[in-house]
Amino acid sequence: MKVAILTDTNSGISKEEAENIGIHVMPMPVLIDGEVFFEGDNLTEEEFYEALTSGKDVSTSQPSPADVLDTWEALFEKRYDEIVYIPMSSGLSSSCMTAKGLA
């Protein structure tokens, strides 16, 4: 049985690190002045902190249900039989509750 391990960028694991250890990482969305960015894809840590310190309107969000399902489907297309998804803590985000509903 082939099992995929999936987490999000709030884990602190970069995509490069994840590839080296066989983990898949879903980027978390960040809104900056109303524009959506994704951690590790089109937003670096430096850019995030610059936005915070420069007075821009910054907020975070959970991945959309469609993004979660798309990621799961992409993993199943890579012939994984199961996915162990470890999202951000349920005490800090609704990501876990959304994943439970989608499962």
C-alpha atoms as a PDB file:
ATOM      1  CA  MET A   1       0.000   0.000   0.000  1.00  0.00           C
ATOM      2  CA  LYS A   2       1.334   3.409  -1.007  1.00  0.00           C
ATOM      3  CA  VAL A   3       0.535   6.206   1.501  1.00  0.00           C
ATOM      4  CA  ALA A   4       1.072   9.930   0.888  1.00  0.00           C
ATOM      5  CA  ILE A   5       1.843  12.257   3.795  1.00  0.00           C
ATOM      6  CA  LEU A   6       0.424  15.752   3.229  1.00  0.00           C
ATOM      7  CA  THR A   7       0.707  18.836   5.410  1.00  0.00           C
ATOM      8  CA  ASP A   8       0.553  22.584   4.838  1.00  0.00           C
ATOM      9  CA  THR A   9       3.153  25.324   4.856  1.00  0.00           C
ATOM     10  CA  ASN A  10       2.254  26.216   8.441  1.00  0.00           C
ATOM     11  CA  SER A  11       4.225  23.103   9.359  1.00  0.00           C
ATOM     12  CA  GLY A  12       7.403  25.036   8.625  1.00  0.00           C
ATOM     13  CA  ILE A  13       8.458  22.441   6.062  1.00  0.00           C
ATOM     14  CA  SER A  14       9.447  24.006   2.751  1.00  0.00           C
ATOM     15  CA  LYS A  15       8.618  22.315  -0.530  1.00  0.00           C
ATOM     16  CA  GLU A  16      12.321  21.623  -1.055  1.00  0.00           C
ATOM     17  CA  GLU A  17      12.676  19.988   2.382  1.00  0.00           C
ATOM     18  CA  ALA A  18       9.462  18.041   1.842  1.00  0.00           C
ATOM     19  CA  GLU A  19      10.686  16.607  -1.449  1.00  0.00           C
ATOM     20  CA  ASN A  20      13.846  15.356   0.271  1.00  0.00           C
ATOM     21  CA  ILE A  21      11.868  13.476   2.919  1.00  0.00           C
ATOM     22  CA  GLY A  22       8.906  12.362   0.803  1.00  0.00           C
ATOM     23  CA  ILE A  23       6.239  14.646   2.263  1.00  0.00           C
ATOM     24  CA  HIS A  24       3.793  16.707   0.222  1.00  0.00           C
ATOM     25  CA  VAL A  25       3.112  20.313   1.268  1.00  0.00           C
ATOM     26  CA  MET A  26       0.032  22.394   0.464  1.00  0.00           C
ATOM     27  CA  PRO A  27       0.643  26.162   0.369  1.00  0.00           C
ATOM     28  CA  MET A  28      -1.489  28.261   2.726  1.00  0.00           C
ATOM     29  CA  PRO A  29      -3.189  31.337   1.278  1.00  0.00           C
ATOM     30  CA  VAL A  30      -2.274  34.810   2.519  1.00  0.00           C
ATOM     31  CA  LEU A  31      -4.213  37.929   1.589  1.00  0.00           C
ATOM     32  CA  ILE A  32      -2.183  41.116   1.198  1.00  0.00           C
ATOM     33  CA  ASP A  33      -4.174  44.229   0.373  1.00  0.00           C
ATOM     34  CA  GLY A  34      -6.931  42.014  -1.026  1.00  0.00           C
ATOM     35  CA  GLU A  35      -4.644  39.988  -3.301  1.00  0.00           C
ATOM     36  CA  VAL A  36      -4.214  36.254  -2.680  1.00  0.00           C
ATOM     37  CA  PHE A  37      -0.711  34.815  -2.405  1.00  0.00           C
ATOM     38  CA  PHE A  38       0.413  31.295  -1.506  1.00  0.00           C
ATOM     39  CA  GLU A  39       3.237  30.608   0.942  1.00  0.00           C
ATOM     40  CA  GLY A  40       6.232  29.138  -0.804  1.00  0.00           C
ATOM     41  CA  ASP A  41       4.698  29.528  -4.280  1.00  0.00           C
ATOM     42  CA  ASN A  42       4.431  33.232  -4.996  1.00  0.00           C
ATOM     43  CA  LEU A  43       5.159  34.606  -1.514  1.00  0.00           C
ATOM     44  CA  THR A  44       8.433  34.278   0.376  1.00  0.00           C
ATOM     45  CA  GLU A  45       8.848  34.663   4.129  1.00  0.00           C
ATOM     46  CA  GLU A  46      10.704  37.912   3.510  1.00  0.00           C
ATOM     47  CA  GLU A  47       7.850  39.302   1.404  1.00  0.00           C
ATOM     48  CA  PHE A  48       5.332  38.258   4.062  1.00  0.00           C
ATOM     49  CA  TYR A  49       7.234  40.010   6.869  1.00  0.00           C
ATOM     50  CA  GLU A  50       7.801  43.077   4.672  1.00  0.00           C
ATOM     51  CA  ALA A  51       4.045  43.304   4.105  1.00  0.00           C
ATOM     52  CA  LEU A  52       3.420  43.010   7.855  1.00  0.00           C
ATOM     53  CA  THR A  53       5.941  45.677   8.819  1.00  0.00           C
ATOM     54  CA  SER A  54       5.013  48.113   6.054  1.00  0.00           C
ATOM     55  CA  GLY A  55       1.425  48.518   7.233  1.00  0.00           C
ATOM     56  CA  LYS A  56      -0.267  46.547   4.468  1.00  0.00           C
ATOM     57  CA  ASP A  57      -3.547  44.783   5.204  1.00  0.00           C
ATOM     58  CA  VAL A  58      -2.417  41.188   5.828  1.00  0.00           C
ATOM     59  CA  SER A  59      -4.593  38.229   6.773  1.00  0.00           C
ATOM     60  CA  THR A  60      -4.337  34.482   6.456  1.00  0.00           C
ATOM     61  CA  SER A  61      -6.858  31.927   5.355  1.00  0.00           C
ATOM     62  CA  GLN A  62      -7.315  28.204   5.048  1.00  0.00           C
ATOM     63  CA  PRO A  63      -6.998  26.471   1.679  1.00  0.00           C
ATOM     64  CA  SER A  64     -10.268  26.424  -0.218  1.00  0.00           C
ATOM     65  CA  PRO A  65     -12.139  23.105  -0.209  1.00  0.00           C
ATOM     66  CA  ALA A  66     -11.546  22.936  -3.971  1.00  0.00           C
ATOM     67  CA  ASP A  67      -7.776  23.312  -3.483  1.00  0.00           C
ATOM     68  CA  VAL A  68      -7.768  20.565  -0.852  1.00  0.00           C
ATOM     69  CA  LEU A  69      -9.741  18.208  -3.092  1.00  0.00           C
ATOM     70  CA  ASP A  70      -7.559  19.038  -6.106  1.00  0.00           C
ATOM     71  CA  THR A  71      -4.446  18.235  -4.079  1.00  0.00           C
ATOM     72  CA  TRP A  72      -5.916  14.954  -2.860  1.00  0.00           C
ATOM     73  CA  GLU A  73      -6.982  13.996  -6.381  1.00  0.00           C
ATOM     74  CA  ALA A  74      -3.509  14.801  -7.738  1.00  0.00           C
ATOM     75  CA  LEU A  75      -1.992  12.479  -5.136  1.00  0.00           C
ATOM     76  CA  PHE A  76      -4.432   9.689  -6.005  1.00  0.00           C
ATOM     77  CA  GLU A  77      -3.527  10.176  -9.675  1.00  0.00           C
ATOM     78  CA  LYS A  78       0.094   9.525  -8.653  1.00  0.00           C
ATOM     79  CA  ARG A  79      -1.119   6.084  -7.525  1.00  0.00           C
ATOM     80  CA  TYR A  80      -1.265   6.679  -3.791  1.00  0.00           C
ATOM     81  CA  ASP A  81      -3.787   4.402  -2.082  1.00  0.00           C
ATOM     82  CA  GLU A  82      -4.287   6.574   0.990  1.00  0.00           C
ATOM     83  CA  ILE A  83      -3.462  10.074   2.200  1.00  0.00           C
ATOM     84  CA  VAL A  84      -2.540  11.068   5.733  1.00  0.00           C
ATOM     85  CA  TYR A  85      -3.342  14.774   5.847  1.00  0.00           C
ATOM     86  CA  ILE A  86      -1.919  16.774   8.744  1.00  0.00           C
ATOM     87  CA  PRO A  87      -3.345  20.310   8.491  1.00  0.00           C
ATOM     88  CA  MET A  88      -2.796  23.267  10.789  1.00  0.00           C
ATOM     89  CA  SER A  89      -4.074  22.788  14.349  1.00  0.00           C
ATOM     90  CA  SER A  90      -7.850  22.836  14.719  1.00  0.00           C
ATOM     91  CA  GLY A  91      -7.371  25.368  17.532  1.00  0.00           C
ATOM     92  CA  LEU A  92      -5.869  27.853  15.088  1.00  0.00           C
ATOM     93  CA  SER A  93      -7.659  27.218  11.814  1.00  0.00           C
ATOM     94  CA  SER A  94     -10.728  25.600  10.291  1.00  0.00           C
ATOM     95  CA  SER A  95      -8.515  23.570   7.940  1.00  0.00           C
ATOM     96  CA  CYS A  96      -8.915  20.409  10.006  1.00  0.00           C
ATOM     97  CA  MET A  97     -12.718  20.699  10.165  1.00  0.00           C
ATOM     98  CA  THR A  98     -12.887  21.346   6.429  1.00  0.00           C
ATOM     99  CA  ALA A  99     -10.737  18.273   5.730  1.00  0.00           C
ATOM    100  CA  LYS A 100     -12.937  16.109   7.959  1.00  0.00           C
ATOM    101  CA  GLY A 101     -15.996  17.282   6.055  1.00  0.00           C
ATOM    102  CA  LEU A 102     -14.376  16.604   2.697  1.00  0.00           C
ATOM    103  CA  ALA A 103     -13.180  13.154   3.740  1.00  0.00           C
END
